[in-house]
């Protein structure tokens, strides 16, 4: 039987970012010729971009209204007309999957605090990008059938398994067939793109250096929300293997915006800013978008001030004397001045907005370099990586390393995800981020097991309840095709016809029992028919190293197989 998806002729990648999202695609006959939408345009603030903001507007009945610049601009118009109260605007909500232990029925809040199921918000957003992408593919004349398209969805490498599976489920709910969908880890995608991209498209650094077998380099992918770090080594075949497990944190560009908005709170007062959001969202968006453009020009020792227009609405809300007083009695003294209807910011103040996020990024990189040998290059990608100040900081801090920056720094992940879709075996090995194991009731050992876990079973044998039976260690290198781990289990005397495999992950190296450090990955129930007589056991097989974890168990006595891709969202 021929698989209905065998005849793939287009690979399309959806790059779902914290601040901006977009898509690109290429044909299987010409992988490196990337296509995408026309430039996205905003109304307020006059911005143009290769991506559109990750903003979703829902109608009062929670149906889809609009996405991106259009969603923000429509909401601003609704606010201006006082018609916005029943609508829902979600912005920068991807960070919910980094910060929270997301579940199937989790809810997230819009800008006014109204709650909606997270799955609905993510799936409607992905559906918009998917549908927009299909229309563009059709307009280009490349759409033979939706079955001929493979979709790739980008996810941060530092996310846990549960967040990655949440994104897969959201994409399937958005109408992408599970068999047509691949998840790409963002730093891996960027690395693949820079391996394949031509020399003339590298802004800084000798791209040829990162294609030499044996070369080790760090990928630093810093976007709006997260900073993702991985270390890759080039193999003889030109493929990549991961040397240091993906790590990172919430150090992205939105934290620069937060520092900037703190300044507004100080000058005008938080109440005035909240009132502006409620009464004139268009003005508020203009402030954000104007800063977005300004922050891309900040350099070290800039030497002159930055001038930004003050919102006319804010100006009327707060008297000049009050604004000047707020500045004089705060950390902004000597750093901000009022010139007619404009704010004049010192270069040192603008630089200071970047300080916390950059300090965290530099510290993280230095820690990785101390524990990984022979890394002599840094590949800098992601939207935040486009900042001249970020690039200068890297050159000043890592003088002994070559800094490589692609021309389209903010598109490297998206284009690399397309290439990954064409050739998923571009990555040959990954490092596991967690230790995985199963919960078992084993023989009690007073030397290692906690007393409170001791119990006696129906045969009078002392057991330890919920001991951690390790399956595989964290920091182990596993092939991208997956590593199979096998075990054998027997049913408990009190439930002789069944047992349940409960798989956990933890950042601990050698947990003795399942405790609060362990997160349930998923379960698989194994059983025999009620009429079965005799002794039986299950032979389990676990598959690690891919974007999801698969587990199967075969009952030896009946030859029946139970299998699942673990559902991390229950």
Foldseek 3Di string as FASTA:
>chain_A
DDDLLPQAFKEKEWEQALFWTFIWMDTLVCLQDIDGDPWDFADFQTDTHRTFTQKFKAALVRHGDDGGNVRLVVLLVCLQVVNNVSMFMAGSCLCCQVPDLFFQQDWDAGPVGDTDGPLSSLLVSLLVNVVVGQVVCVVVVNPPDLSNYAYEYEDALAGDLQSLVSNLVSPVVSPDDSVRYAYDHQLQLLLQLLLPDDQVQWPFDGSVQQQDAQAKAWEWAAAAFKTKIWIWGQHPVSFIETQFAIDTHGLHDVLLVVLVVVLVCLQQNPVLVVVCCNRRSSLVVNVSSVVVVVQLAQAPPPPAKDKDFARPSSPVVDDPVSSVVSCCPDPNVVAWDDDPRMIIGHSVSSVVSNPPSLVRSLVVVVVVPVVDPNHAEYEYAYPRSSRNHSVVVCCVSCVRHGYIYGNHRNCSSNSSSNVCSSPVCSYFKHFAQWWKFWFDWAQDDPVPADPVQWDADPVRGITGGAFTGTFDFGRDIATQVWDKTKDKFADDPVCRFKDKTWMWIANDGDGGGDDPRIATQAMWIDGDDPPDDDGKMWMKMWTDNYSFIKMKIAIVVVRDMTIDGGNRND
